[in-house]
PDB file of N, CA and C in Angstrom:
ATOM      1  N   MET A   1       0.872  -1.082   0.088  1.00  0.00           N
ATOM      2  CA  MET A   1      -0.041  -0.102  -0.189  1.00  0.00           C
ATOM      3  C   MET A   1       0.922   1.346  -0.100  1.00  0.00           C
ATOM      4  N   THR A   2       0.391   2.463  -0.825  1.00  0.00           N
ATOM      5  CA  THR A   2       1.260   3.423  -0.738  1.00  0.00           C
ATOM      6  C   THR A   2       0.455   4.592  -0.541  1.00  0.00           C
ATOM      7  N   ILE A   3       0.871   5.289   0.527  1.00  0.00           N
ATOM      8  CA  ILE A   3       0.281   6.408   1.044  1.00  0.00           C
ATOM      9  C   ILE A   3       0.788   7.885   0.725  1.00  0.00           C
ATOM     10  N   HIS A   4       0.275   8.726   0.314  1.00  0.00           N
ATOM     11  CA  HIS A   4       0.828   9.817  -0.554  1.00  0.00           C
ATOM     12  C   HIS A   4       0.645  10.922   0.332  1.00  0.00           C
ATOM     13  N   ASN A   5       1.208  10.947   1.803  1.00  0.00           N
ATOM     14  CA  ASN A   5       0.478  11.914   2.758  1.00  0.00           C
ATOM     15  C   ASN A   5       1.767  12.672   3.053  1.00  0.00           C
ATOM     16  N   ASN A   6       2.864  12.665   2.390  1.00  0.00           N
ATOM     17  CA  ASN A   6       3.904  13.491   2.688  1.00  0.00           C
ATOM     18  C   ASN A   6       4.549  13.233   4.150  1.00  0.00           C
ATOM     19  N   ILE A   7       4.130  12.270   4.797  1.00  0.00           N
ATOM     20  CA  ILE A   7       5.109  11.989   6.450  1.00  0.00           C
ATOM     21  C   ILE A   7       6.392  11.834   6.299  1.00  0.00           C
ATOM     22  N   PRO A   8       6.852  13.046   7.455  1.00  0.00           N
ATOM     23  CA  PRO A   8       8.289  12.688   7.441  1.00  0.00           C
ATOM     24  C   PRO A   8       8.674  11.577   7.745  1.00  0.00           C
ATOM     25  N   GLN A   9       9.830  11.424   7.118  1.00  0.00           N
ATOM     26  CA  GLN A   9      10.519  10.064   7.597  1.00  0.00           C
ATOM     27  C   GLN A   9      11.039  10.027   8.607  1.00  0.00           C
ATOM     28  N   ILE A  10      11.560  11.232   9.374  1.00  0.00           N
ATOM     29  CA  ILE A  10      12.309  11.513  10.552  1.00  0.00           C
ATOM     30  C   ILE A  10      10.907  12.158  11.432  1.00  0.00           C
ATOM     31  N   GLY A  11      11.037  11.325  12.792  1.00  0.00           N
ATOM     32  CA  GLY A  11      10.039  12.160  13.858  1.00  0.00           C
ATOM     33  C   GLY A  11      10.717  11.653  15.082  1.00  0.00           C
ATOM     34  N   LEU A  12      10.070  12.409  15.982  1.00  0.00           N
ATOM     35  CA  LEU A  12      10.746  12.218  17.364  1.00  0.00           C
ATOM     36  C   LEU A  12       9.907  11.335  18.043  1.00  0.00           C
ATOM     37  N   GLY A  13      11.005  10.128  18.458  1.00  0.00           N
ATOM     38  CA  GLY A  13      10.348   9.270  19.432  1.00  0.00           C
ATOM     39  C   GLY A  13      10.171   9.438  20.854  1.00  0.00           C
ATOM     40  N   THR A  14       9.184   9.350  21.429  1.00  0.00           N
ATOM     41  CA  THR A  14       8.842   9.690  22.756  1.00  0.00           C
ATOM     42  C   THR A  14       9.119   8.292  23.837  1.00  0.00           C
ATOM     43  N   TYR A  15       9.704   7.128  23.381  1.00  0.00           N
ATOM     44  CA  TYR A  15       9.620   6.056  24.135  1.00  0.00           C
ATOM     45  C   TYR A  15      10.906   6.138  25.167  1.00  0.00           C
ATOM     46  N   MET A  16      10.248   5.948  26.583  1.00  0.00           N
ATOM     47  CA  MET A  16      11.317   6.220  27.855  1.00  0.00           C
ATOM     48  C   MET A  16      11.392   7.849  28.397  1.00  0.00           C
ATOM     49  N   MET A  17      10.068   8.517  27.660  1.00  0.00           N
ATOM     50  CA  MET A  17      10.326   9.677  28.310  1.00  0.00           C
ATOM     51  C   MET A  17       9.416  10.080  29.769  1.00  0.00           C
ATOM     52  N   SER A  18       9.573  10.581  30.334  1.00  0.00           N
ATOM     53  CA  SER A  18       8.217  10.736  31.139  1.00  0.00           C
ATOM     54  C   SER A  18       7.328  11.719  30.773  1.00  0.00           C
ATOM     55  N   THR A  19       6.310  11.968  31.600  1.00  0.00           N
ATOM     56  CA  THR A  19       5.000  13.096  30.942  1.00  0.00           C
ATOM     57  C   THR A  19       5.824  14.367  30.703  1.00  0.00           C
ATOM     58  N   ASP A  20       6.890  15.002  31.869  1.00  0.00           N
ATOM     59  CA  ASP A  20       7.215  16.303  31.504  1.00  0.00           C
ATOM     60  C   ASP A  20       8.326  16.462  30.315  1.00  0.00           C
ATOM     61  N   GLU A  21       9.116  15.273  30.460  1.00  0.00           N
ATOM     62  CA  GLU A  21      10.166  15.186  29.091  1.00  0.00           C
ATOM     63  C   GLU A  21       9.434  15.329  28.071  1.00  0.00           C
ATOM     64  N   ALA A  22       8.249  14.275  27.717  1.00  0.00           N
ATOM     65  CA  ALA A  22       7.680  14.299  26.461  1.00  0.00           C
ATOM     66  C   ALA A  22       7.140  15.851  26.189  1.00  0.00           C
ATOM     67  N   ALA A  23       6.483  16.301  27.045  1.00  0.00           N
ATOM     68  CA  ALA A  23       5.993  17.578  26.912  1.00  0.00           C
ATOM     69  C   ALA A  23       7.331  18.773  26.394  1.00  0.00           C
ATOM     70  N   GLN A  24       8.263  18.864  27.214  1.00  0.00           N
ATOM     71  CA  GLN A  24       9.321  19.808  26.888  1.00  0.00           C
ATOM     72  C   GLN A  24      10.039  19.144  25.510  1.00  0.00           C
ATOM     73  N   MET A  25      10.202  17.971  25.566  1.00  0.00           N
ATOM     74  CA  MET A  25      10.971  17.550  23.893  1.00  0.00           C
ATOM     75  C   MET A  25       9.955  17.710  22.583  1.00  0.00           C
ATOM     76  N   THR A  26       8.790  17.591  23.031  1.00  0.00           N
ATOM     77  CA  THR A  26       7.879  17.665  21.960  1.00  0.00           C
ATOM     78  C   THR A  26       7.948  18.947  21.340  1.00  0.00           C
ATOM     79  N   TYR A  27       7.383  19.870  22.456  1.00  0.00           N
ATOM     80  CA  TYR A  27       7.589  21.447  22.201  1.00  0.00           C
ATOM     81  C   TYR A  27       8.936  22.022  21.418  1.00  0.00           C
ATOM     82  N   GLU A  28      10.344  21.342  21.720  1.00  0.00           N
ATOM     83  CA  GLU A  28      11.282  21.962  21.540  1.00  0.00           C
ATOM     84  C   GLU A  28      11.563  21.079  20.067  1.00  0.00           C
ATOM     85  N   ALA A  29      11.051  19.887  19.764  1.00  0.00           N
ATOM     86  CA  ALA A  29      11.289  19.305  18.365  1.00  0.00           C
ATOM     87  C   ALA A  29      10.228  19.940  17.716  1.00  0.00           C
ATOM     88  N   ILE A  30       9.327  20.665  17.801  1.00  0.00           N
ATOM     89  CA  ILE A  30       8.477  21.385  17.097  1.00  0.00           C
ATOM     90  C   ILE A  30       9.243  22.638  16.688  1.00  0.00           C
ATOM     91  N   LYS A  31       9.626  23.440  17.409  1.00  0.00           N
ATOM     92  CA  LYS A  31      10.424  24.494  17.410  1.00  0.00           C
ATOM     93  C   LYS A  31      11.196  24.688  16.369  1.00  0.00           C
ATOM     94  N   VAL A  32      12.256  23.326  16.465  1.00  0.00           N
ATOM     95  CA  VAL A  32      13.295  23.414  15.333  1.00  0.00           C
ATOM     96  C   VAL A  32      12.941  22.607  14.351  1.00  0.00           C
ATOM     97  N   GLY A  33      11.898  22.377  13.955  1.00  0.00           N
ATOM     98  CA  GLY A  33      11.244  21.768  12.790  1.00  0.00           C
ATOM     99  C   GLY A  33      10.575  20.498  12.677  1.00  0.00           C
ATOM    100  N   TYR A  34      10.395  19.571  13.637  1.00  0.00           N
ATOM    101  CA  TYR A  34      10.120  18.274  13.228  1.00  0.00           C
ATOM    102  C   TYR A  34       8.762  18.301  13.171  1.00  0.00           C
ATOM    103  N   ARG A  35       8.121  17.765  12.488  1.00  0.00           N
ATOM    104  CA  ARG A  35       6.556  17.505  12.254  1.00  0.00           C
ATOM    105  C   ARG A  35       6.150  15.977  12.435  1.00  0.00           C
ATOM    106  N   HIS A  36       6.770  15.487  12.704  1.00  0.00           N
ATOM    107  CA  HIS A  36       6.354  14.163  12.882  1.00  0.00           C
ATOM    108  C   HIS A  36       6.522  13.691  14.298  1.00  0.00           C
ATOM    109  N   ILE A  37       5.785  13.135  15.231  1.00  0.00           N
ATOM    110  CA  ILE A  37       6.116  12.686  16.580  1.00  0.00           C
ATOM    111  C   ILE A  37       5.308  11.593  16.824  1.00  0.00           C
ATOM    112  N   ASP A  38       5.921  10.119  17.484  1.00  0.00           N
ATOM    113  CA  ASP A  38       5.699   9.536  17.576  1.00  0.00           C
ATOM    114  C   ASP A  38       5.728   8.839  18.851  1.00  0.00           C
ATOM    115  N   THR A  39       4.481   8.073  19.672  1.00  0.00           N
ATOM    116  CA  THR A  39       4.101   8.176  20.812  1.00  0.00           C
ATOM    117  C   THR A  39       3.418   6.301  21.069  1.00  0.00           C
ATOM    118  N   ALA A  40       3.045   6.136  22.274  1.00  0.00           N
ATOM    119  CA  ALA A  40       2.372   4.842  22.358  1.00  0.00           C
ATOM    120  C   ALA A  40       1.755   4.822  23.628  1.00  0.00           C
ATOM    121  N   GLU A  41       0.266   4.218  23.615  1.00  0.00           N
ATOM    122  CA  GLU A  41      -0.229   4.140  24.957  1.00  0.00           C
ATOM    123  C   GLU A  41       0.750   3.641  26.113  1.00  0.00           C
ATOM    124  N   VAL A  42       1.543   2.629  25.697  1.00  0.00           N
ATOM    125  CA  VAL A  42       2.083   2.012  26.721  1.00  0.00           C
ATOM    126  C   VAL A  42       3.389   2.680  27.184  1.00  0.00           C
ATOM    127  N   TYR A  43       3.713   3.638  26.424  1.00  0.00           N
ATOM    128  CA  TYR A  43       4.650   4.607  27.182  1.00  0.00           C
ATOM    129  C   TYR A  43       4.372   5.647  28.364  1.00  0.00           C
ATOM    130  N   ARG A  44       2.942   5.827  28.345  1.00  0.00           N
ATOM    131  CA  ARG A  44       2.256   6.532  29.333  1.00  0.00           C
ATOM    132  C   ARG A  44       2.708   8.040  29.381  1.00  0.00           C
ATOM    133  N   ASN A  45       3.232   8.657  28.207  1.00  0.00           N
ATOM    134  CA  ASN A  45       3.280  10.123  28.159  1.00  0.00           C
ATOM    135  C   ASN A  45       2.634  10.819  27.280  1.00  0.00           C
ATOM    136  N   GLU A  46       1.590  10.071  26.697  1.00  0.00           N
ATOM    137  CA  GLU A  46       0.601  10.917  25.516  1.00  0.00           C
ATOM    138  C   GLU A  46       0.100  12.369  25.926  1.00  0.00           C
ATOM    139  N   LYS A  47      -0.237  12.424  27.410  1.00  0.00           N
ATOM    140  CA  LYS A  47      -0.602  13.526  27.821  1.00  0.00           C
ATOM    141  C   LYS A  47       0.587  14.640  27.538  1.00  0.00           C
ATOM    142  N   GLY A  48       1.734  14.310  28.067  1.00  0.00           N
ATOM    143  CA  GLY A  48       2.715  15.271  28.080  1.00  0.00           C
ATOM    144  C   GLY A  48       3.024  15.554  26.429  1.00  0.00           C
ATOM    145  N   VAL A  49       3.215  14.813  25.517  1.00  0.00           N
ATOM    146  CA  VAL A  49       3.050  14.941  23.868  1.00  0.00           C
ATOM    147  C   VAL A  49       2.227  15.833  23.503  1.00  0.00           C
ATOM    148  N   ALA A  50       0.528  15.915  24.012  1.00  0.00           N
ATOM    149  CA  ALA A  50      -0.539  16.667  23.792  1.00  0.00           C
ATOM    150  C   ALA A  50       0.190  18.099  24.296  1.00  0.00           C
ATOM    151  N   GLU A  51       0.626  18.033  25.370  1.00  0.00           N
ATOM    152  CA  GLU A  51       0.832  19.483  26.134  1.00  0.00           C
ATOM    153  C   GLU A  51       1.886  20.069  25.358  1.00  0.00           C
ATOM    154  N   GLY A  52       2.982  19.489  24.661  1.00  0.00           N
ATOM    155  CA  GLY A  52       3.918  20.170  24.094  1.00  0.00           C
ATOM    156  C   GLY A  52       3.345  20.423  22.946  1.00  0.00           C
ATOM    157  N   ILE A  53       2.355  19.734  22.063  1.00  0.00           N
ATOM    158  CA  ILE A  53       1.799  20.209  20.910  1.00  0.00           C
ATOM    159  C   ILE A  53       0.993  21.300  21.109  1.00  0.00           C
ATOM    160  N   LYS A  54      -0.278  21.195  21.916  1.00  0.00           N
ATOM    161  CA  LYS A  54      -0.839  22.459  22.802  1.00  0.00           C
ATOM    162  C   LYS A  54       0.039  23.617  22.721  1.00  0.00           C
ATOM    163  N   LYS A  55       1.005  23.896  23.371  1.00  0.00           N
ATOM    164  CA  LYS A  55       1.952  24.742  23.452  1.00  0.00           C
ATOM    165  C   LYS A  55       2.527  25.337  22.187  1.00  0.00           C
ATOM    166  N   ALA A  56       2.878  24.387  21.351  1.00  0.00           N
ATOM    167  CA  ALA A  56       3.696  24.939  20.087  1.00  0.00           C
ATOM    168  C   ALA A  56       2.744  25.453  19.349  1.00  0.00           C
ATOM    169  N   ILE A  57       1.314  25.071  19.156  1.00  0.00           N
ATOM    170  CA  ILE A  57       0.154  25.622  18.441  1.00  0.00           C
ATOM    171  C   ILE A  57      -0.585  27.139  18.662  1.00  0.00           C
ATOM    172  N   SER A  58      -0.126  27.099  20.501  1.00  0.00           N
ATOM    173  CA  SER A  58      -0.746  28.346  20.743  1.00  0.00           C
ATOM    174  C   SER A  58       0.164  29.258  20.700  1.00  0.00           C
ATOM    175  N   GLU A  59       1.580  29.214  20.561  1.00  0.00           N
ATOM    176  CA  GLU A  59       2.684  30.024  20.071  1.00  0.00           C
ATOM    177  C   GLU A  59       2.681  30.447  19.004  1.00  0.00           C
ATOM    178  N   GLU A  60       1.919  29.605  17.958  1.00  0.00           N
ATOM    179  CA  GLU A  60       1.715  29.854  16.575  1.00  0.00           C
ATOM    180  C   GLU A  60       3.084  29.221  15.558  1.00  0.00           C
ATOM    181  N   LEU A  61       3.757  28.502  16.559  1.00  0.00           N
ATOM    182  CA  LEU A  61       5.205  27.943  15.698  1.00  0.00           C
ATOM    183  C   LEU A  61       4.602  26.853  14.843  1.00  0.00           C
ATOM    184  N   VAL A  62       3.585  26.001  14.834  1.00  0.00           N
ATOM    185  CA  VAL A  62       3.109  25.250  13.808  1.00  0.00           C
ATOM    186  C   VAL A  62       1.533  24.982  13.814  1.00  0.00           C
ATOM    187  N   ALA A  63       1.102  24.865  12.914  1.00  0.00           N
ATOM    188  CA  ALA A  63      -0.602  24.680  12.879  1.00  0.00           C
ATOM    189  C   ALA A  63      -0.692  22.942  12.816  1.00  0.00           C
ATOM    190  N   ARG A  64      -2.003  22.621  13.434  1.00  0.00           N
ATOM    191  CA  ARG A  64      -2.241  21.278  14.088  1.00  0.00           C
ATOM    192  C   ARG A  64      -2.205  20.396  12.432  1.00  0.00           C
ATOM    193  N   ALA A  65      -2.608  20.997  11.651  1.00  0.00           N
ATOM    194  CA  ALA A  65      -2.742  19.987  10.014  1.00  0.00           C
ATOM    195  C   ALA A  65      -1.625  19.928   9.466  1.00  0.00           C
ATOM    196  N   ASP A  66      -0.318  20.482  10.049  1.00  0.00           N
ATOM    197  CA  ASP A  66       0.990  20.360   9.546  1.00  0.00           C
ATOM    198  C   ASP A  66       1.667  19.377  10.403  1.00  0.00           C
ATOM    199  N   LEU A  67       1.070  18.478  11.334  1.00  0.00           N
ATOM    200  CA  LEU A  67       1.806  17.842  12.241  1.00  0.00           C
ATOM    201  C   LEU A  67       1.169  16.228  11.804  1.00  0.00           C
ATOM    202  N   PHE A  68       2.104  15.262  11.852  1.00  0.00           N
ATOM    203  CA  PHE A  68       2.065  14.262  12.267  1.00  0.00           C
ATOM    204  C   PHE A  68       2.238  13.055  13.435  1.00  0.00           C
ATOM    205  N   ILE A  69       1.146  12.612  13.910  1.00  0.00           N
ATOM    206  CA  ILE A  69       1.193  12.218  15.317  1.00  0.00           C
ATOM    207  C   ILE A  69       0.814  10.620  15.229  1.00  0.00           C
ATOM    208  N   THR A  70       2.002   9.752  15.420  1.00  0.00           N
ATOM    209  CA  THR A  70       1.570   8.452  15.322  1.00  0.00           C
ATOM    210  C   THR A  70       1.639   7.919  16.786  1.00  0.00           C
ATOM    211  N   THR A  71       0.654   6.789  16.933  1.00  0.00           N
ATOM    212  CA  THR A  71       0.791   6.171  18.250  1.00  0.00           C
ATOM    213  C   THR A  71       0.286   4.592  17.961  1.00  0.00           C
ATOM    214  N   LYS A  72       0.464   3.632  19.092  1.00  0.00           N
ATOM    215  CA  LYS A  72       0.270   2.797  19.084  1.00  0.00           C
ATOM    216  C   LYS A  72      -0.724   2.074  20.038  1.00  0.00           C
ATOM    217  N   VAL A  73      -1.793   1.386  19.705  1.00  0.00           N
ATOM    218  CA  VAL A  73      -2.455   0.869  20.767  1.00  0.00           C
ATOM    219  C   VAL A  73      -2.338  -0.415  20.880  1.00  0.00           C
ATOM    220  N   PHE A  74      -2.143  -1.013  22.130  1.00  0.00           N
ATOM    221  CA  PHE A  74      -2.191  -2.283  22.091  1.00  0.00           C
ATOM    222  C   PHE A  74      -3.469  -3.275  23.026  1.00  0.00           C
ATOM    223  N   PRO A  75      -3.870  -4.501  22.279  1.00  0.00           N
ATOM    224  CA  PRO A  75      -4.759  -4.957  22.966  1.00  0.00           C
ATOM    225  C   PRO A  75      -4.649  -5.376  24.312  1.00  0.00           C
ATOM    226  N   GLY A  76      -6.086  -5.460  25.016  1.00  0.00           N
ATOM    227  CA  GLY A  76      -5.672  -6.061  26.615  1.00  0.00           C
ATOM    228  C   GLY A  76      -5.726  -4.991  27.414  1.00  0.00           C
TER     229      GLY A  76
END
């Protein structure tokens, strides 16, 4: 399957980050040009990722439409 959505091949991975680290690193990554953020339910830091994104959007560093947020949901 080919998807033509221009998702960046390089993204910020948030594995092993605390919620606070994820918030700060997500914000900083967006600030320097990252547009792909990867997280997962089992990382337990999605709230921090959301906070970083919200801060970047509120400061008009990026529009939500320009971000690719990928996550993984595990059954059970």
